[in-house]
PDB file of N, CA and C in Angstrom:
ATOM      1  N   MET A   1      -2.410 -14.101   5.731  1.00  0.00           N
ATOM      2  CA  MET A   1      -2.554 -13.218   4.597  1.00  0.00           C
ATOM      3  C   MET A   1      -2.658 -14.030   3.310  1.00  0.00           C
ATOM      4  N   VAL A   2      -3.478 -13.546   2.411  1.00  0.00           N
ATOM      5  CA  VAL A   2      -3.688 -14.191   1.112  1.00  0.00           C
ATOM      6  C   VAL A   2      -3.202 -13.239   0.028  1.00  0.00           C
ATOM      7  N   THR A   3      -2.477 -13.775  -0.932  1.00  0.00           N
ATOM      8  CA  THR A   3      -2.010 -12.981  -2.066  1.00  0.00           C
ATOM      9  C   THR A   3      -2.746 -13.450  -3.307  1.00  0.00           C
ATOM     10  N   THR A   4      -3.328 -12.511  -4.039  1.00  0.00           N
ATOM     11  CA  THR A   4      -4.072 -12.827  -5.248  1.00  0.00           C
ATOM     12  C   THR A   4      -3.496 -12.012  -6.397  1.00  0.00           C
ATOM     13  N   ALA A   5      -3.286 -12.665  -7.543  1.00  0.00           N
ATOM     14  CA  ALA A   5      -2.707 -11.981  -8.706  1.00  0.00           C
ATOM     15  C   ALA A   5      -3.767 -11.723  -9.765  1.00  0.00           C
ATOM     16  N   PHE A   6      -3.702 -10.550 -10.345  1.00  0.00           N
ATOM     17  CA  PHE A   6      -4.580 -10.145 -11.431  1.00  0.00           C
ATOM     18  C   PHE A   6      -3.728  -9.431 -12.463  1.00  0.00           C
ATOM     19  N   ALA A   7      -4.342  -8.988 -13.536  1.00  0.00           N
ATOM     20  CA  ALA A   7      -3.662  -8.138 -14.513  1.00  0.00           C
ATOM     21  C   ALA A   7      -4.633  -7.060 -14.965  1.00  0.00           C
ATOM     22  N   VAL A   8      -4.108  -5.846 -15.135  1.00  0.00           N
ATOM     23  CA  VAL A   8      -4.909  -4.706 -15.580  1.00  0.00           C
ATOM     24  C   VAL A   8      -4.388  -4.280 -16.941  1.00  0.00           C
ATOM     25  N   GLU A   9      -5.310  -3.993 -17.849  1.00  0.00           N
ATOM     26  CA  GLU A   9      -4.937  -3.574 -19.199  1.00  0.00           C
ATOM     27  C   GLU A   9      -5.060  -2.065 -19.350  1.00  0.00           C
ATOM     28  N   GLY A  10      -4.147  -1.483 -20.121  1.00  0.00           N
ATOM     29  CA  GLY A  10      -4.275  -0.100 -20.528  1.00  0.00           C
ATOM     30  C   GLY A  10      -3.568   0.952 -19.704  1.00  0.00           C
ATOM     31  N   LEU A  11      -2.829   0.566 -18.679  1.00  0.00           N
ATOM     32  CA  LEU A  11      -2.112   1.579 -17.902  1.00  0.00           C
ATOM     33  C   LEU A  11      -0.987   2.151 -18.763  1.00  0.00           C
ATOM     34  N   THR A  12      -0.854   3.475 -18.755  1.00  0.00           N
ATOM     35  CA  THR A  12       0.173   4.097 -19.597  1.00  0.00           C
ATOM     36  C   THR A  12       1.160   4.964 -18.819  1.00  0.00           C
ATOM     37  N   CYS A  13       0.894   5.192 -17.521  1.00  0.00           N
ATOM     38  CA  CYS A  13       1.795   6.070 -16.769  1.00  0.00           C
ATOM     39  C   CYS A  13       1.627   5.844 -15.270  1.00  0.00           C
ATOM     40  N   GLY A  14       2.461   6.546 -14.516  1.00  0.00           N
ATOM     41  CA  GLY A  14       2.400   6.451 -13.065  1.00  0.00           C
ATOM     42  C   GLY A  14       1.093   6.963 -12.482  1.00  0.00           C
ATOM     43  N   SER A  15       0.481   7.942 -13.140  1.00  0.00           N
ATOM     44  CA  SER A  15      -0.812   8.450 -12.652  1.00  0.00           C
ATOM     45  C   SER A  15      -1.899   7.393 -12.787  1.00  0.00           C
ATOM     46  N   CYS A  16      -1.866   6.654 -13.896  1.00  0.00           N
ATOM     47  CA  CYS A  16      -2.821   5.550 -14.092  1.00  0.00           C
ATOM     48  C   CYS A  16      -2.644   4.523 -12.981  1.00  0.00           C
ATOM     49  N   LEU A  17      -1.402   4.162 -12.736  1.00  0.00           N
ATOM     50  CA  LEU A  17      -1.071   3.181 -11.712  1.00  0.00           C
ATOM     51  C   LEU A  17      -1.564   3.661 -10.351  1.00  0.00           C
ATOM     52  N   ALA A  18      -1.311   4.915 -10.026  1.00  0.00           N
ATOM     53  CA  ALA A  18      -1.734   5.467  -8.737  1.00  0.00           C
ATOM     54  C   ALA A  18      -3.251   5.445  -8.587  1.00  0.00           C
ATOM     55  N   GLU A  19      -3.970   5.726  -9.653  1.00  0.00           N
ATOM     56  CA  GLU A  19      -5.434   5.723  -9.602  1.00  0.00           C
ATOM     57  C   GLU A  19      -5.968   4.324  -9.310  1.00  0.00           C
ATOM     58  N   VAL A  20      -5.389   3.319  -9.962  1.00  0.00           N
ATOM     59  CA  VAL A  20      -5.827   1.934  -9.719  1.00  0.00           C
ATOM     60  C   VAL A  20      -5.512   1.542  -8.284  1.00  0.00           C
ATOM     61  N   LEU A  21      -4.306   1.854  -7.812  1.00  0.00           N
ATOM     62  CA  LEU A  21      -3.948   1.525  -6.432  1.00  0.00           C
ATOM     63  C   LEU A  21      -4.877   2.201  -5.434  1.00  0.00           C
ATOM     64  N   GLU A  22      -5.219   3.455  -5.688  1.00  0.00           N
ATOM     65  CA  GLU A  22      -6.130   4.184  -4.800  1.00  0.00           C
ATOM     66  C   GLU A  22      -7.485   3.480  -4.720  1.00  0.00           C
ATOM     67  N   GLN A  23      -7.998   3.049  -5.859  1.00  0.00           N
ATOM     68  CA  GLN A  23      -9.290   2.344  -5.883  1.00  0.00           C
ATOM     69  C   GLN A  23      -9.184   0.978  -5.209  1.00  0.00           C
ATOM     70  N   MET A  24      -8.059   0.291  -5.384  1.00  0.00           N
ATOM     71  CA  MET A  24      -7.862  -1.024  -4.740  1.00  0.00           C
ATOM     72  C   MET A  24      -7.934  -0.892  -3.229  1.00  0.00           C
ATOM     73  N   ARG A  25      -7.377   0.193  -2.714  1.00  0.00           N
ATOM     74  CA  ARG A  25      -7.351   0.399  -1.258  1.00  0.00           C
ATOM     75  C   ARG A  25      -8.745   0.615  -0.674  1.00  0.00           C
ATOM     76  N   THR A  26      -9.727   0.920  -1.520  1.00  0.00           N
ATOM     77  CA  THR A  26     -11.093   1.125  -1.039  1.00  0.00           C
ATOM     78  C   THR A  26     -11.868  -0.193  -0.914  1.00  0.00           C
ATOM     79  N   VAL A  27     -11.325  -1.271  -1.446  1.00  0.00           N
ATOM     80  CA  VAL A  27     -12.003  -2.567  -1.402  1.00  0.00           C
ATOM     81  C   VAL A  27     -11.867  -3.153   0.004  1.00  0.00           C
ATOM     82  N   ALA A  28     -12.998  -3.504   0.606  1.00  0.00           N
ATOM     83  CA  ALA A  28     -12.998  -4.084   1.948  1.00  0.00           C
ATOM     84  C   ALA A  28     -12.124  -5.336   1.989  1.00  0.00           C
ATOM     85  N   GLY A  29     -11.242  -5.383   2.974  1.00  0.00           N
ATOM     86  CA  GLY A  29     -10.386  -6.550   3.159  1.00  0.00           C
ATOM     87  C   GLY A  29      -9.008  -6.427   2.534  1.00  0.00           C
ATOM     88  N   VAL A  30      -8.814  -5.486   1.626  1.00  0.00           N
ATOM     89  CA  VAL A  30      -7.505  -5.322   0.986  1.00  0.00           C
ATOM     90  C   VAL A  30      -6.561  -4.634   1.963  1.00  0.00           C
ATOM     91  N   SER A  31      -5.418  -5.275   2.233  1.00  0.00           N
ATOM     92  CA  SER A  31      -4.432  -4.664   3.122  1.00  0.00           C
ATOM     93  C   SER A  31      -3.240  -4.109   2.348  1.00  0.00           C
ATOM     94  N   GLY A  32      -3.124  -4.496   1.084  1.00  0.00           N
ATOM     95  CA  GLY A  32      -2.037  -3.980   0.264  1.00  0.00           C
ATOM     96  C   GLY A  32      -2.244  -4.329  -1.195  1.00  0.00           C
ATOM     97  N   ALA A  33      -1.659  -3.528  -2.073  1.00  0.00           N
ATOM     98  CA  ALA A  33      -1.730  -3.790  -3.511  1.00  0.00           C
ATOM     99  C   ALA A  33      -0.467  -3.232  -4.151  1.00  0.00           C
ATOM    100  N   ALA A  34       0.045  -3.943  -5.145  1.00  0.00           N
ATOM    101  CA  ALA A  34       1.230  -3.499  -5.870  1.00  0.00           C
ATOM    102  C   ALA A  34       1.036  -3.814  -7.343  1.00  0.00           C
ATOM    103  N   ILE A  35       1.540  -2.922  -8.188  1.00  0.00           N
ATOM    104  CA  ILE A  35       1.404  -3.092  -9.633  1.00  0.00           C
ATOM    105  C   ILE A  35       2.768  -2.945 -10.284  1.00  0.00           C
ATOM    106  N   ASP A  36       3.057  -3.832 -11.222  1.00  0.00           N
ATOM    107  CA  ASP A  36       4.258  -3.723 -12.051  1.00  0.00           C
ATOM    108  C   ASP A  36       3.800  -3.114 -13.374  1.00  0.00           C
ATOM    109  N   LEU A  37       4.057  -1.828 -13.576  1.00  0.00           N
ATOM    110  CA  LEU A  37       3.568  -1.110 -14.752  1.00  0.00           C
ATOM    111  C   LEU A  37       4.182  -1.654 -16.042  1.00  0.00           C
ATOM    112  N   VAL A  38       3.305  -2.086 -16.930  1.00  0.00           N
ATOM    113  CA  VAL A  38       3.684  -2.478 -18.287  1.00  0.00           C
ATOM    114  C   VAL A  38       2.917  -1.517 -19.188  1.00  0.00           C
ATOM    115  N   VAL A  39       3.593  -0.484 -19.670  1.00  0.00           N
ATOM    116  CA  VAL A  39       2.953   0.595 -20.402  1.00  0.00           C
ATOM    117  C   VAL A  39       2.187   0.058 -21.613  1.00  0.00           C
ATOM    118  N   GLY A  40       0.868   0.306 -21.611  1.00  0.00           N
ATOM    119  CA  GLY A  40       0.008  -0.096 -22.712  1.00  0.00           C
ATOM    120  C   GLY A  40      -0.250  -1.588 -22.806  1.00  0.00           C
ATOM    121  N   GLY A  41       0.301  -2.369 -21.901  1.00  0.00           N
ATOM    122  CA  GLY A  41       0.117  -3.826 -21.937  1.00  0.00           C
ATOM    123  C   GLY A  41      -0.658  -4.308 -20.725  1.00  0.00           C
ATOM    124  N   ARG A  42      -0.373  -5.525 -20.318  1.00  0.00           N
ATOM    125  CA  ARG A  42      -1.024  -6.152 -19.170  1.00  0.00           C
ATOM    126  C   ARG A  42      -0.135  -5.970 -17.947  1.00  0.00           C
ATOM    127  N   SER A  43      -0.548  -5.109 -17.047  1.00  0.00           N
ATOM    128  CA  SER A  43       0.229  -4.825 -15.844  1.00  0.00           C
ATOM    129  C   SER A  43      -0.179  -5.781 -14.732  1.00  0.00           C
ATOM    130  N   PRO A  44       0.768  -6.606 -14.232  1.00  0.00           N
ATOM    131  CA  PRO A  44       0.453  -7.524 -13.134  1.00  0.00           C
ATOM    132  C   PRO A  44       0.127  -6.764 -11.853  1.00  0.00           C
ATOM    133  N   VAL A  45      -0.905  -7.220 -11.164  1.00  0.00           N
ATOM    134  CA  VAL A  45      -1.337  -6.628  -9.902  1.00  0.00           C
ATOM    135  C   VAL A  45      -1.333  -7.735  -8.849  1.00  0.00           C
ATOM    136  N   VAL A  46      -0.742  -7.457  -7.704  1.00  0.00           N
ATOM    137  CA  VAL A  46      -0.765  -8.395  -6.588  1.00  0.00           C
ATOM    138  C   VAL A  46      -1.501  -7.725  -5.443  1.00  0.00           C
ATOM    139  N   VAL A  47      -2.563  -8.383  -4.992  1.00  0.00           N
ATOM    140  CA  VAL A  47      -3.390  -7.855  -3.910  1.00  0.00           C
ATOM    141  C   VAL A  47      -3.193  -8.733  -2.679  1.00  0.00           C
ATOM    142  N   THR A  48      -2.936  -8.102  -1.543  1.00  0.00           N
ATOM    143  CA  THR A  48      -2.786  -8.810  -0.280  1.00  0.00           C
ATOM    144  C   THR A  48      -4.028  -8.513   0.563  1.00  0.00           C
ATOM    145  N   SER A  49      -4.589  -9.574   1.133  1.00  0.00           N
ATOM    146  CA  SER A  49      -5.813  -9.408   1.924  1.00  0.00           C
ATOM    147  C   SER A  49      -5.870 -10.473   3.002  1.00  0.00           C
ATOM    148  N   GLY A  50      -6.782 -10.281   3.934  1.00  0.00           N
ATOM    149  CA  GLY A  50      -6.954 -11.249   5.007  1.00  0.00           C
ATOM    150  C   GLY A  50      -7.627 -12.524   4.548  1.00  0.00           C
ATOM    151  N   ALA A  51      -8.433 -12.446   3.490  1.00  0.00           N
ATOM    152  CA  ALA A  51      -9.134 -13.596   2.916  1.00  0.00           C
ATOM    153  C   ALA A  51      -9.078 -13.467   1.398  1.00  0.00           C
ATOM    154  N   ALA A  52      -9.361 -14.557   0.708  1.00  0.00           N
ATOM    155  CA  ALA A  52      -9.324 -14.543  -0.761  1.00  0.00           C
ATOM    156  C   ALA A  52     -10.271 -13.468  -1.305  1.00  0.00           C
ATOM    157  N   MET A  53      -9.784 -12.743  -2.296  1.00  0.00           N
ATOM    158  CA  MET A  53     -10.589 -11.688  -2.918  1.00  0.00           C
ATOM    159  C   MET A  53     -11.369 -12.278  -4.085  1.00  0.00           C
ATOM    160  N   ARG A  54     -12.600 -11.832  -4.240  1.00  0.00           N
ATOM    161  CA  ARG A  54     -13.394 -12.230  -5.396  1.00  0.00           C
ATOM    162  C   ARG A  54     -13.009 -11.346  -6.575  1.00  0.00           C
ATOM    163  N   THR A  55     -12.965 -11.926  -7.756  1.00  0.00           N
ATOM    164  CA  THR A  55     -12.608 -11.187  -8.955  1.00  0.00           C
ATOM    165  C   THR A  55     -13.525  -9.996  -9.173  1.00  0.00           C
ATOM    166  N   ASP A  56     -14.824 -10.148  -8.878  1.00  0.00           N
ATOM    167  CA  ASP A  56     -15.751  -9.034  -9.110  1.00  0.00           C
ATOM    168  C   ASP A  56     -15.442  -7.834  -8.222  1.00  0.00           C
ATOM    169  N   GLN A  57     -14.898  -8.064  -7.024  1.00  0.00           N
ATOM    170  CA  GLN A  57     -14.517  -6.960  -6.148  1.00  0.00           C
ATOM    171  C   GLN A  57     -13.371  -6.153  -6.769  1.00  0.00           C
ATOM    172  N   ILE A  58     -12.390  -6.859  -7.274  1.00  0.00           N
ATOM    173  CA  ILE A  58     -11.230  -6.207  -7.882  1.00  0.00           C
ATOM    174  C   ILE A  58     -11.629  -5.560  -9.207  1.00  0.00           C
ATOM    175  N   ARG A  59     -12.445  -6.259  -9.995  1.00  0.00           N
ATOM    176  CA  ARG A  59     -12.906  -5.708 -11.279  1.00  0.00           C
ATOM    177  C   ARG A  59     -13.617  -4.368 -11.070  1.00  0.00           C
ATOM    178  N   ALA A  60     -14.469  -4.299 -10.060  1.00  0.00           N
ATOM    179  CA  ALA A  60     -15.208  -3.056  -9.786  1.00  0.00           C
ATOM    180  C   ALA A  60     -14.252  -1.909  -9.455  1.00  0.00           C
ATOM    181  N   ALA A  61     -13.224  -2.182  -8.664  1.00  0.00           N
ATOM    182  CA  ALA A  61     -12.249  -1.144  -8.310  1.00  0.00           C
ATOM    183  C   ALA A  61     -11.467  -0.687  -9.535  1.00  0.00           C
ATOM    184  N   VAL A  62     -11.056  -1.634 -10.364  1.00  0.00           N
ATOM    185  CA  VAL A  62     -10.298  -1.304 -11.575  1.00  0.00           C
ATOM    186  C   VAL A  62     -11.157  -0.481 -12.527  1.00  0.00           C
ATOM    187  N   GLU A  63     -12.417  -0.866 -12.696  1.00  0.00           N
ATOM    188  CA  GLU A  63     -13.324  -0.119 -13.579  1.00  0.00           C
ATOM    189  C   GLU A  63     -13.613   1.271 -13.024  1.00  0.00           C
ATOM    190  N   GLN A  64     -13.715   1.399 -11.706  1.00  0.00           N
ATOM    191  CA  GLN A  64     -13.924   2.707 -11.085  1.00  0.00           C
ATOM    192  C   GLN A  64     -12.747   3.633 -11.403  1.00  0.00           C
ATOM    193  N   ALA A  65     -11.562   3.049 -11.528  1.00  0.00           N
ATOM    194  CA  ALA A  65     -10.367   3.834 -11.871  1.00  0.00           C
ATOM    195  C   ALA A  65     -10.301   4.137 -13.366  1.00  0.00           C
ATOM    196  N   GLY A  66     -11.182   3.506 -14.156  1.00  0.00           N
ATOM    197  CA  GLY A  66     -11.229   3.778 -15.586  1.00  0.00           C
ATOM    198  C   GLY A  66     -10.449   2.801 -16.444  1.00  0.00           C
ATOM    199  N   PHE A  67     -10.151   1.615 -15.897  1.00  0.00           N
ATOM    200  CA  PHE A  67      -9.366   0.630 -16.635  1.00  0.00           C
ATOM    201  C   PHE A  67     -10.081  -0.710 -16.667  1.00  0.00           C
ATOM    202  N   VAL A  68      -9.446  -1.699 -17.283  1.00  0.00           N
ATOM    203  CA  VAL A  68     -10.072  -2.996 -17.497  1.00  0.00           C
ATOM    204  C   VAL A  68      -9.237  -4.093 -16.851  1.00  0.00           C
ATOM    205  N   LEU A  69      -9.898  -4.949 -16.086  1.00  0.00           N
ATOM    206  CA  LEU A  69      -9.239  -6.135 -15.552  1.00  0.00           C
ATOM    207  C   LEU A  69      -9.092  -7.119 -16.696  1.00  0.00           C
ATOM    208  N   ALA A  70      -7.900  -7.666 -16.886  1.00  0.00           N
ATOM    209  CA  ALA A  70      -7.652  -8.601 -17.981  1.00  0.00           C
ATOM    210  C   ALA A  70      -8.607  -9.780 -17.885  1.00  0.00           C
ATOM    211  N   ALA A  71      -9.044 -10.264 -19.040  1.00  0.00           N
ATOM    212  CA  ALA A  71     -10.056 -11.314 -19.114  1.00  0.00           C
ATOM    213  C   ALA A  71      -9.614 -12.622 -18.478  1.00  0.00           C
ATOM    214  N   ASP A  72      -8.341 -12.952 -18.549  1.00  0.00           N
ATOM    215  CA  ASP A  72      -7.901 -14.236 -18.014  1.00  0.00           C
ATOM    216  C   ASP A  72      -7.139 -14.078 -16.710  1.00  0.00           C
ATOM    217  N   ASP A  73      -7.659 -13.174 -15.833  1.00  0.00           N
ATOM    218  CA  ASP A  73      -7.016 -13.020 -14.539  1.00  0.00           C
ATOM    219  C   ASP A  73      -7.029 -14.366 -13.826  1.00  0.00           C
ATOM    220  N   ARG A  74      -6.134 -14.522 -12.867  1.00  0.00           N
ATOM    221  CA  ARG A  74      -5.994 -15.817 -12.216  1.00  0.00           C
ATOM    222  C   ARG A  74      -5.678 -15.626 -10.748  1.00  0.00           C
ATOM    223  N   ARG A  75      -5.865 -16.682  -9.994  1.00  0.00           N
ATOM    224  CA  ARG A  75      -5.503 -16.656  -8.581  1.00  0.00           C
ATOM    225  C   ARG A  75      -4.013 -16.958  -8.456  1.00  0.00           C
ATOM    226  N   ALA A  76      -3.370 -16.311  -7.511  1.00  0.00           N
ATOM    227  CA  ALA A  76      -1.952 -16.558  -7.289  1.00  0.00           C
ATOM    228  C   ALA A  76      -1.777 -17.908  -6.627  1.00  0.00           C
ATOM    229  N   GLY A  77      -0.772 -18.614  -7.031  1.00  0.00           N
ATOM    230  CA  GLY A  77      -0.433 -19.896  -6.425  1.00  0.00           C
ATOM    231  C   GLY A  77       0.897 -19.780  -5.707  1.00  0.00           C
ATOM    232  N   PRO A  78       1.358 -20.874  -5.124  1.00  0.00           N
ATOM    233  CA  PRO A  78       2.602 -20.820  -4.363  1.00  0.00           C
ATOM    234  C   PRO A  78       3.819 -20.517  -5.234  1.00  0.00           C
ATOM    235  N   HIS A  79       3.697 -20.698  -6.540  1.00  0.00           N
ATOM    236  CA  HIS A  79       4.824 -20.433  -7.442  1.00  0.00           C
ATOM    237  C   HIS A  79       4.863 -18.985  -7.914  1.00  0.00           C
ATOM    238  N   ASP A  80       3.845 -18.218  -7.600  1.00  0.00           N
ATOM    239  CA  ASP A  80       3.792 -16.832  -8.056  1.00  0.00           C
ATOM    240  C   ASP A  80       4.681 -15.955  -7.195  1.00  0.00           C
ATOM    241  N   HIS A  81       5.127 -14.858  -7.771  1.00  0.00           N
ATOM    242  CA  HIS A  81       5.985 -13.917  -7.076  1.00  0.00           C
ATOM    243  C   HIS A  81       5.357 -12.540  -7.131  1.00  0.00           C
ATOM    244  N   GLY A  82       5.676 -11.721  -6.165  1.00  0.00           N
ATOM    245  CA  GLY A  82       5.168 -10.365  -6.127  1.00  0.00           C
ATOM    246  C   GLY A  82       5.832  -9.487  -7.159  1.00  0.00           C
ATOM    247  N   PRO A  83       5.304  -8.289  -7.345  1.00  0.00           N
ATOM    248  CA  PRO A  83       5.844  -7.367  -8.343  1.00  0.00           C
ATOM    249  C   PRO A  83       7.325  -7.065  -8.168  1.00  0.00           C
ATOM    250  N   GLU A  84       7.812  -7.070  -6.922  1.00  0.00           N
ATOM    251  CA  GLU A  84       9.224  -6.768  -6.732  1.00  0.00           C
ATOM    252  C   GLU A  84      10.099  -7.813  -7.416  1.00  0.00           C
ATOM    253  N   HIS A  85       9.650  -9.067  -7.430  1.00  0.00           N
ATOM    254  CA  HIS A  85      10.406 -10.119  -8.117  1.00  0.00           C
ATOM    255  C   HIS A  85      10.289  -9.953  -9.624  1.00  0.00           C
ATOM    256  N   VAL A  86       9.087  -9.641 -10.101  1.00  0.00           N
ATOM    257  CA  VAL A  86       8.872  -9.459 -11.534  1.00  0.00           C
ATOM    258  C   VAL A  86       9.750  -8.332 -12.042  1.00  0.00           C
ATOM    259  N   LEU A  87       9.762  -7.203 -11.323  1.00  0.00           N
ATOM    260  CA  LEU A  87      10.567  -6.064 -11.741  1.00  0.00           C
ATOM    261  C   LEU A  87      12.047  -6.423 -11.721  1.00  0.00           C
ATOM    262  N   ALA A  88      12.504  -7.099 -10.675  1.00  0.00           N
ATOM    263  CA  ALA A  88      13.909  -7.498 -10.609  1.00  0.00           C
ATOM    264  C   ALA A  88      14.263  -8.422 -11.769  1.00  0.00           C
ATOM    265  N   THR A  89      13.350  -9.307 -12.119  1.00  0.00           N
ATOM    266  CA  THR A  89      13.582 -10.211 -13.251  1.00  0.00           C
ATOM    267  C   THR A  89      13.690  -9.421 -14.536  1.00  0.00           C
ATOM    268  N   ARG A  90      12.818  -8.460 -14.731  1.00  0.00           N
ATOM    269  CA  ARG A  90      12.855  -7.660 -15.953  1.00  0.00           C
ATOM    270  C   ARG A  90      14.127  -6.834 -16.036  1.00  0.00           C
ATOM    271  N   ILE A  91      14.576  -6.284 -14.915  1.00  0.00           N
ATOM    272  CA  ILE A  91      15.825  -5.524 -14.912  1.00  0.00           C
ATOM    273  C   ILE A  91      16.977  -6.451 -15.274  1.00  0.00           C
ATOM    274  N   SER A  92      16.971  -7.651 -14.706  1.00  0.00           N
ATOM    275  CA  SER A  92      18.010  -8.622 -15.019  1.00  0.00           C
ATOM    276  C   SER A  92      17.987  -8.985 -16.498  1.00  0.00           C
ATOM    277  N   GLU A  93      16.787  -9.169 -17.066  1.00  0.00           N
ATOM    278  CA  GLU A  93      16.683  -9.499 -18.490  1.00  0.00           C
ATOM    279  C   GLU A  93      17.254  -8.372 -19.341  1.00  0.00           C
ATOM    280  N   LEU A  94      16.939  -7.124 -18.970  1.00  0.00           N
ATOM    281  CA  LEU A  94      17.481  -5.986 -19.714  1.00  0.00           C
ATOM    282  C   LEU A  94      18.998  -5.927 -19.579  1.00  0.00           C
ATOM    283  N   ASP A  95      19.482  -6.159 -18.378  1.00  0.00           N
ATOM    284  CA  ASP A  95      20.906  -6.089 -18.114  1.00  0.00           C
ATOM    285  C   ASP A  95      21.674  -7.123 -18.928  1.00  0.00           C
ATOM    286  N   ASN A  96      21.043  -8.274 -19.172  1.00  0.00           N
ATOM    287  CA  ASN A  96      21.701  -9.354 -19.891  1.00  0.00           C
ATOM    288  C   ASN A  96      21.362  -9.379 -21.378  1.00  0.00           C
ATOM    289  N   SER A  97      20.617  -8.402 -21.852  1.00  0.00           N
ATOM    290  CA  SER A  97      20.175  -8.416 -23.241  1.00  0.00           C
ATOM    291  C   SER A  97      21.237  -7.837 -24.165  1.00  0.00           C
ATOM    292  N   GLU A  98      20.985  -7.951 -25.431  1.00  0.00           N
ATOM    293  CA  GLU A  98      21.875  -7.412 -26.454  1.00  0.00           C
ATOM    294  C   GLU A  98      21.558  -5.949 -26.744  1.00  0.00           C
ATOM    295  N   PHE A  99      20.523  -5.423 -26.096  1.00  0.00           N
ATOM    296  CA  PHE A  99      20.051  -4.076 -26.368  1.00  0.00           C
ATOM    297  C   PHE A  99      20.761  -3.077 -25.452  1.00  0.00           C
ATOM    298  N   PHE A 100      21.435  -2.131 -26.038  1.00  0.00           N
ATOM    299  CA  PHE A 100      22.104  -1.086 -25.270  1.00  0.00           C
ATOM    300  C   PHE A 100      21.709   0.266 -25.848  1.00  0.00           C
ATOM    301  N   LEU A 101      21.580   1.262 -25.000  1.00  0.00           N
ATOM    302  CA  LEU A 101      21.212   2.603 -25.448  1.00  0.00           C
ATOM    303  C   LEU A 101      22.465   3.430 -25.675  1.00  0.00           C
ATOM    304  N   GLY A 102      22.726   3.761 -26.918  1.00  0.00           N
ATOM    305  CA  GLY A 102      23.840   4.639 -27.239  1.00  0.00           C
ATOM    306  C   GLY A 102      25.177   4.192 -26.680  1.00  0.00           C
ATOM    307  N   GLY A 103      25.383   2.903 -26.585  1.00  0.00           N
ATOM    308  CA  GLY A 103      26.653   2.385 -26.086  1.00  0.00           C
ATOM    309  C   GLY A 103      26.781   2.434 -24.571  1.00  0.00           C
ATOM    310  N   VAL A 104      25.756   2.910 -23.890  1.00  0.00           N
ATOM    311  CA  VAL A 104      25.805   2.981 -22.416  1.00  0.00           C
ATOM    312  C   VAL A 104      25.319   1.660 -21.862  1.00  0.00           C
ATOM    313  N   ARG A 105      26.050   1.130 -20.945  1.00  0.00           N
ATOM    314  CA  ARG A 105      25.671  -0.150 -20.353  1.00  0.00           C
ATOM    315  C   ARG A 105      25.379   0.065 -18.903  1.00  0.00           C
TER     316      ARG A 105
END
């Protein structure tokens, strides 16, 4: 299995995320896709496939969903982590931050 990382711009909600994932699943060779939603920013996308995916294949799926593949998308390397790690890291950062909502921790 090959893991390839991209980023999608402009996702604002779970419906946007679902639409991109649905289009990703239509790309030949894709066996899985996961997105870490960054509302209005660059949402990391990890695509799992049997062989390396071409950027144009992923770009076409993202555009079909109505969004834009980030200009400086990159191939995942051995140091990259899937969205589950990114999300866990972000939760940890929030947990350790100085920002609290209404005194609730």
